[in-house]
Amino acid sequence: DAGDLRVILTKRSSRLSTHSGEVSLPGGKADEGDKDDGDTATREAKEEIGLDPSLVNVITVLEPFLSKHLLRVVPVIGVLNDRKAFKPTPNPAEVDAVFDAPLEMFIKDENRSAEEREWMGEKYLLHFFDYEIENKRYLIWGLTAGILIRAASVVYQRPPAFLEQSPKFKFPGLVDK
């Protein structure tokens, strides 16, 4: 919007067994037929929010993140070629809401808080971003916030205006795929 880069987010269905009601990025597990991470991301976005893969130009893939459940998460950055052509159609089994937020928000220190946590013997900061759009409030935190901080840092070519302190995970040998 007018040069403001935005990111599409979802509020997960309150009926899901894991992370219900939380804000997340569209995405999911790779299928056998997916040729690469970009293919997985665009297929999942189509299934979850009705985003036609032909509207997305995949730009790059960031380094993998490790979730607290030891899932390897590969962030894929793409550009929506024609925002007006995208009419969100959330899959009600997976998504309660689709919204967008300014990407730059994730490297600014406004509407952000953090808590120190420890995992696998390493201390790190868990970031929380409060966001309001169309009189609805969303809390963007955890892995989603971490991925967006990294994506915004790469896109805007500058570090966040706050201490990031990501965990230095010791990847178990079983987490290569």
C-alpha atoms as a PDB file:
ATOM      1  CA  ASP A   1       0.000   0.000   0.000  1.00  0.00           C
ATOM      2  CA  ALA A   2       1.606   3.231  -1.196  1.00  0.00           C
ATOM      3  CA  GLY A   3       5.068   1.717  -0.836  1.00  0.00           C
ATOM      4  CA  ASP A   4       4.303   0.211   2.575  1.00  0.00           C
ATOM      5  CA  LEU A   5       5.265  -3.471   2.525  1.00  0.00           C
ATOM      6  CA  ARG A   6       2.748  -5.627   4.361  1.00  0.00           C
ATOM      7  CA  VAL A   7       2.628  -9.245   5.462  1.00  0.00           C
ATOM      8  CA  ILE A   8      -0.420 -11.511   5.266  1.00  0.00           C
ATOM      9  CA  LEU A   9      -1.224 -13.193   8.573  1.00  0.00           C
ATOM     10  CA  THR A  10      -3.917 -15.531   9.814  1.00  0.00           C
ATOM     11  CA  LYS A  11      -5.659 -16.115  13.092  1.00  0.00           C
ATOM     12  CA  ARG A  12      -5.763 -19.880  13.426  1.00  0.00           C
ATOM     13  CA  SER A  13      -9.113 -21.542  13.970  1.00  0.00           C
ATOM     14  CA  SER A  14     -10.155 -21.834  17.600  1.00  0.00           C
ATOM     15  CA  ARG A  15     -11.137 -25.432  16.768  1.00  0.00           C
ATOM     16  CA  LEU A  16      -7.577 -26.573  15.992  1.00  0.00           C
ATOM     17  CA  SER A  17      -5.869 -28.887  18.485  1.00  0.00           C
ATOM     18  CA  THR A  18      -2.543 -26.992  18.407  1.00  0.00           C
ATOM     19  CA  HIS A  19      -1.932 -23.238  18.546  1.00  0.00           C
ATOM     20  CA  SER A  20      -5.681 -22.577  18.284  1.00  0.00           C
ATOM     21  CA  GLY A  21      -6.621 -18.907  18.056  1.00  0.00           C
ATOM     22  CA  GLU A  22      -3.007 -17.814  17.621  1.00  0.00           C
ATOM     23  CA  VAL A  23      -1.682 -15.561  14.867  1.00  0.00           C
ATOM     24  CA  SER A  24       0.465 -17.335  12.301  1.00  0.00           C
ATOM     25  CA  LEU A  25       1.831 -17.095   8.812  1.00  0.00           C
ATOM     26  CA  PRO A  26       0.131 -19.170   6.123  1.00  0.00           C
ATOM     27  CA  GLY A  27       2.055 -22.389   5.633  1.00  0.00           C
ATOM     28  CA  GLY A  28       2.392 -25.986   6.615  1.00  0.00           C
ATOM     29  CA  LYS A  29       4.041 -29.323   5.990  1.00  0.00           C
ATOM     30  CA  ALA A  30       5.560 -30.285   2.672  1.00  0.00           C
ATOM     31  CA  ASP A  31       3.695 -32.804   0.548  1.00  0.00           C
ATOM     32  CA  GLU A  32       5.420 -35.422  -1.582  1.00  0.00           C
ATOM     33  CA  GLY A  33       4.380 -33.578  -4.755  1.00  0.00           C
ATOM     34  CA  ASP A  34       5.932 -30.243  -3.700  1.00  0.00           C
ATOM     35  CA  LYS A  35       9.022 -29.496  -5.771  1.00  0.00           C
ATOM     36  CA  ASP A  36      10.562 -27.060  -3.228  1.00  0.00           C
ATOM     37  CA  ASP A  37       9.846 -24.867  -0.187  1.00  0.00           C
ATOM     38  CA  GLY A  38       8.288 -22.151  -2.358  1.00  0.00           C
ATOM     39  CA  ASP A  39       5.894 -24.700  -3.839  1.00  0.00           C
ATOM     40  CA  THR A  40       4.939 -25.879  -0.334  1.00  0.00           C
ATOM     41  CA  ALA A  41       4.355 -22.314   0.862  1.00  0.00           C
ATOM     42  CA  THR A  42       2.193 -21.282  -2.086  1.00  0.00           C
ATOM     43  CA  ARG A  43       0.184 -24.531  -2.026  1.00  0.00           C
ATOM     44  CA  GLU A  44      -0.466 -24.149   1.700  1.00  0.00           C
ATOM     45  CA  ALA A  45      -1.450 -20.477   1.284  1.00  0.00           C
ATOM     46  CA  LYS A  46      -3.966 -21.532  -1.376  1.00  0.00           C
ATOM     47  CA  GLU A  47      -5.403 -24.239   0.928  1.00  0.00           C
ATOM     48  CA  GLU A  48      -5.564 -21.975   4.000  1.00  0.00           C
ATOM     49  CA  ILE A  49      -6.558 -18.556   2.657  1.00  0.00           C
ATOM     50  CA  GLY A  50      -7.374 -19.028  -1.043  1.00  0.00           C
ATOM     51  CA  LEU A  51      -4.240 -17.260  -2.317  1.00  0.00           C
ATOM     52  CA  ASP A  52      -3.742 -18.202  -5.972  1.00  0.00           C
ATOM     53  CA  PRO A  53      -0.053 -19.239  -6.374  1.00  0.00           C
ATOM     54  CA  SER A  54       0.072 -17.461  -9.759  1.00  0.00           C
ATOM     55  CA  LEU A  55      -0.357 -14.137  -7.900  1.00  0.00           C
ATOM     56  CA  VAL A  56       2.838 -14.717  -5.857  1.00  0.00           C
ATOM     57  CA  ASN A  57       6.413 -14.174  -6.964  1.00  0.00           C
ATOM     58  CA  VAL A  58       8.652 -16.156  -4.591  1.00  0.00           C
ATOM     59  CA  ILE A  59      11.697 -13.968  -3.900  1.00  0.00           C
ATOM     60  CA  THR A  60      13.815 -15.947  -1.429  1.00  0.00           C
ATOM     61  CA  VAL A  61      13.898 -18.518   1.334  1.00  0.00           C
ATOM     62  CA  LEU A  62      15.326 -17.624   4.743  1.00  0.00           C
ATOM     63  CA  GLU A  63      17.418 -19.872   6.951  1.00  0.00           C
ATOM     64  CA  PRO A  64      15.312 -22.463   8.806  1.00  0.00           C
ATOM     65  CA  PHE A  65      13.910 -21.850  12.278  1.00  0.00           C
ATOM     66  CA  LEU A  66      13.425 -24.573  14.863  1.00  0.00           C
ATOM     67  CA  SER A  67      10.076 -24.543  16.646  1.00  0.00           C
ATOM     68  CA  LYS A  68       9.738 -25.446  20.306  1.00  0.00           C
ATOM     69  CA  HIS A  69       8.290 -28.764  19.097  1.00  0.00           C
ATOM     70  CA  LEU A  70      11.509 -29.386  17.110  1.00  0.00           C
ATOM     71  CA  LEU A  71       9.856 -28.768  13.755  1.00  0.00           C
ATOM     72  CA  ARG A  72      12.077 -27.260  11.076  1.00  0.00           C
ATOM     73  CA  VAL A  73      10.308 -24.183   9.672  1.00  0.00           C
ATOM     74  CA  VAL A  74      11.559 -22.659   6.408  1.00  0.00           C
ATOM     75  CA  PRO A  75      10.282 -19.083   5.870  1.00  0.00           C
ATOM     76  CA  VAL A  76       9.512 -18.282   2.231  1.00  0.00           C
ATOM     77  CA  ILE A  77       9.283 -14.632   1.181  1.00  0.00           C
ATOM     78  CA  GLY A  78       7.075 -13.833  -1.782  1.00  0.00           C
ATOM     79  CA  VAL A  79       5.525 -10.721  -3.254  1.00  0.00           C
ATOM     80  CA  LEU A  80       1.839 -10.525  -4.074  1.00  0.00           C
ATOM     81  CA  ASN A  81       1.824  -9.155  -7.624  1.00  0.00           C
ATOM     82  CA  ASP A  82      -1.715  -7.762  -7.588  1.00  0.00           C
ATOM     83  CA  ARG A  83      -3.168  -7.152  -4.146  1.00  0.00           C
ATOM     84  CA  LYS A  84      -6.609  -6.298  -5.539  1.00  0.00           C
ATOM     85  CA  ALA A  85      -6.761  -9.703  -7.273  1.00  0.00           C
ATOM     86  CA  PHE A  86      -6.413 -11.472  -3.899  1.00  0.00           C
ATOM     87  CA  LYS A  87      -9.750 -12.029  -2.214  1.00  0.00           C
ATOM     88  CA  PRO A  88      -9.088 -13.964   1.001  1.00  0.00           C
ATOM     89  CA  THR A  89     -11.218 -17.077   1.393  1.00  0.00           C
ATOM     90  CA  PRO A  90     -10.184 -18.609   4.708  1.00  0.00           C
ATOM     91  CA  ASN A  91     -10.545 -22.358   5.103  1.00  0.00           C
ATOM     92  CA  PRO A  92     -12.850 -22.423   8.182  1.00  0.00           C
ATOM     93  CA  ALA A  93     -11.304 -25.673   9.432  1.00  0.00           C
ATOM     94  CA  GLU A  94      -7.926 -23.935   9.738  1.00  0.00           C
ATOM     95  CA  VAL A  95      -8.390 -20.153   9.772  1.00  0.00           C
ATOM     96  CA  ASP A  96     -10.712 -17.777  11.664  1.00  0.00           C
ATOM     97  CA  ALA A  97      -9.377 -14.545  10.118  1.00  0.00           C
ATOM     98  CA  VAL A  98      -7.000 -13.195   7.462  1.00  0.00           C
ATOM     99  CA  PHE A  99      -5.404  -9.768   7.897  1.00  0.00           C
ATOM    100  CA  ASP A 100      -2.248  -7.901   6.992  1.00  0.00           C
ATOM    101  CA  ALA A 101       0.243  -5.889   8.999  1.00  0.00           C
ATOM    102  CA  PRO A 102       3.118  -3.561   8.072  1.00  0.00           C
ATOM    103  CA  LEU A 103       6.308  -5.611   7.752  1.00  0.00           C
ATOM    104  CA  GLU A 104       8.431  -2.750   9.113  1.00  0.00           C
ATOM    105  CA  MET A 105       6.537  -2.994  12.420  1.00  0.00           C
ATOM    106  CA  PHE A 106       8.644  -6.056  13.276  1.00  0.00           C
ATOM    107  CA  ILE A 107      11.905  -4.121  13.479  1.00  0.00           C
ATOM    108  CA  LYS A 108      10.445  -1.149  15.361  1.00  0.00           C
ATOM    109  CA  ASP A 109      10.222  -0.986  19.135  1.00  0.00           C
ATOM    110  CA  GLU A 110       6.626   0.265  19.168  1.00  0.00           C
ATOM    111  CA  ASN A 111       3.787  -1.940  20.439  1.00  0.00           C
ATOM    112  CA  ARG A 112       6.370  -4.578  21.402  1.00  0.00           C
ATOM    113  CA  SER A 113       7.139  -6.344  24.619  1.00  0.00           C
ATOM    114  CA  ALA A 114       9.424  -9.239  25.438  1.00  0.00           C
ATOM    115  CA  GLU A 115       9.910 -11.933  28.052  1.00  0.00           C
ATOM    116  CA  GLU A 116      13.103 -13.765  28.811  1.00  0.00           C
ATOM    117  CA  ARG A 117      12.744 -17.531  28.478  1.00  0.00           C
ATOM    118  CA  GLU A 118      15.043 -20.513  28.624  1.00  0.00           C
ATOM    119  CA  TRP A 119      15.002 -23.544  26.356  1.00  0.00           C
ATOM    120  CA  MET A 120      17.522 -26.364  26.063  1.00  0.00           C
ATOM    121  CA  GLY A 121      19.743 -24.465  28.517  1.00  0.00           C
ATOM    122  CA  GLU A 122      19.809 -21.267  26.441  1.00  0.00           C
ATOM    123  CA  LYS A 123      18.239 -17.938  27.391  1.00  0.00           C
ATOM    124  CA  TYR A 124      16.426 -15.968  24.723  1.00  0.00           C
ATOM    125  CA  LEU A 125      13.814 -13.230  24.345  1.00  0.00           C
ATOM    126  CA  LEU A 126      10.279 -14.085  23.306  1.00  0.00           C
ATOM    127  CA  HIS A 127       8.811 -11.078  21.468  1.00  0.00           C
ATOM    128  CA  PHE A 128       5.162  -9.968  21.482  1.00  0.00           C
ATOM    129  CA  PHE A 129       3.697  -7.406  19.073  1.00  0.00           C
ATOM    130  CA  ASP A 130       0.261  -5.880  19.699  1.00  0.00           C
ATOM    131  CA  TYR A 131      -1.520  -4.980  16.496  1.00  0.00           C
ATOM    132  CA  GLU A 132      -4.950  -3.535  15.839  1.00  0.00           C
ATOM    133  CA  ILE A 133      -6.724  -3.379  12.484  1.00  0.00           C
ATOM    134  CA  GLU A 134     -10.416  -2.776  11.750  1.00  0.00           C
ATOM    135  CA  ASN A 135     -11.178  -2.643  15.511  1.00  0.00           C
ATOM    136  CA  LYS A 136      -9.696  -6.124  16.051  1.00  0.00           C
ATOM    137  CA  ARG A 137      -6.648  -6.720  18.224  1.00  0.00           C
ATOM    138  CA  TYR A 138      -4.084  -9.365  17.495  1.00  0.00           C
ATOM    139  CA  LEU A 139      -1.075 -10.566  19.482  1.00  0.00           C
ATOM    140  CA  ILE A 140       1.770 -11.684  17.224  1.00  0.00           C
ATOM    141  CA  TRP A 141       4.409 -13.579  19.175  1.00  0.00           C
ATOM    142  CA  GLY A 142       6.729 -16.561  19.411  1.00  0.00           C
ATOM    143  CA  LEU A 143       7.922 -18.263  16.256  1.00  0.00           C
ATOM    144  CA  THR A 144       5.742 -16.061  14.026  1.00  0.00           C
ATOM    145  CA  ALA A 145       7.237 -12.887  15.558  1.00  0.00           C
ATOM    146  CA  GLY A 146      10.757 -14.320  15.284  1.00  0.00           C
ATOM    147  CA  ILE A 147      10.315 -15.120  11.600  1.00  0.00           C
ATOM    148  CA  LEU A 148       8.855 -11.663  10.910  1.00  0.00           C
ATOM    149  CA  ILE A 149      11.694  -9.912  12.777  1.00  0.00           C
ATOM    150  CA  ARG A 150      14.195 -11.804  10.608  1.00  0.00           C
ATOM    151  CA  ALA A 151      12.233 -11.195   7.381  1.00  0.00           C
ATOM    152  CA  ALA A 152      11.893  -7.457   8.105  1.00  0.00           C
ATOM    153  CA  SER A 153      15.617  -7.241   8.934  1.00  0.00           C
ATOM    154  CA  VAL A 154      16.494  -8.844   5.590  1.00  0.00           C
ATOM    155  CA  VAL A 155      14.004  -6.808   3.534  1.00  0.00           C
ATOM    156  CA  TYR A 156      14.839  -3.446   5.129  1.00  0.00           C
ATOM    157  CA  GLN A 157      18.565  -4.265   5.442  1.00  0.00           C
ATOM    158  CA  ARG A 158      18.796  -3.176   9.076  1.00  0.00           C
ATOM    159  CA  PRO A 159      18.630  -4.844  12.464  1.00  0.00           C
ATOM    160  CA  PRO A 160      15.657  -4.413  14.781  1.00  0.00           C
ATOM    161  CA  ALA A 161      15.597  -1.342  17.071  1.00  0.00           C
ATOM    162  CA  PHE A 162      15.620  -3.701  20.078  1.00  0.00           C
ATOM    163  CA  LEU A 163      17.683  -6.579  21.410  1.00  0.00           C
ATOM    164  CA  GLU A 164      16.660  -9.672  19.493  1.00  0.00           C
ATOM    165  CA  GLN A 165      18.528 -12.365  21.491  1.00  0.00           C
ATOM    166  CA  SER A 166      17.475 -15.428  19.551  1.00  0.00           C
ATOM    167  CA  PRO A 167      18.129 -18.799  21.140  1.00  0.00           C
ATOM    168  CA  LYS A 168      21.297 -20.584  20.057  1.00  0.00           C
ATOM    169  CA  PHE A 169      19.665 -23.914  19.469  1.00  0.00           C
ATOM    170  CA  LYS A 170      21.728 -27.045  19.410  1.00  0.00           C
ATOM    171  CA  PHE A 171      20.063 -28.839  16.525  1.00  0.00           C
ATOM    172  CA  PRO A 172      19.530 -32.493  17.420  1.00  0.00           C
ATOM    173  CA  GLY A 173      20.914 -34.872  14.794  1.00  0.00           C
ATOM    174  CA  LEU A 174      17.402 -35.963  13.844  1.00  0.00           C
ATOM    175  CA  VAL A 175      16.398 -32.494  12.663  1.00  0.00           C
ATOM    176  CA  ASP A 176      17.903 -32.298   9.180  1.00  0.00           C
ATOM    177  CA  LYS A 177      14.643 -32.446   7.207  1.00  0.00           C
END
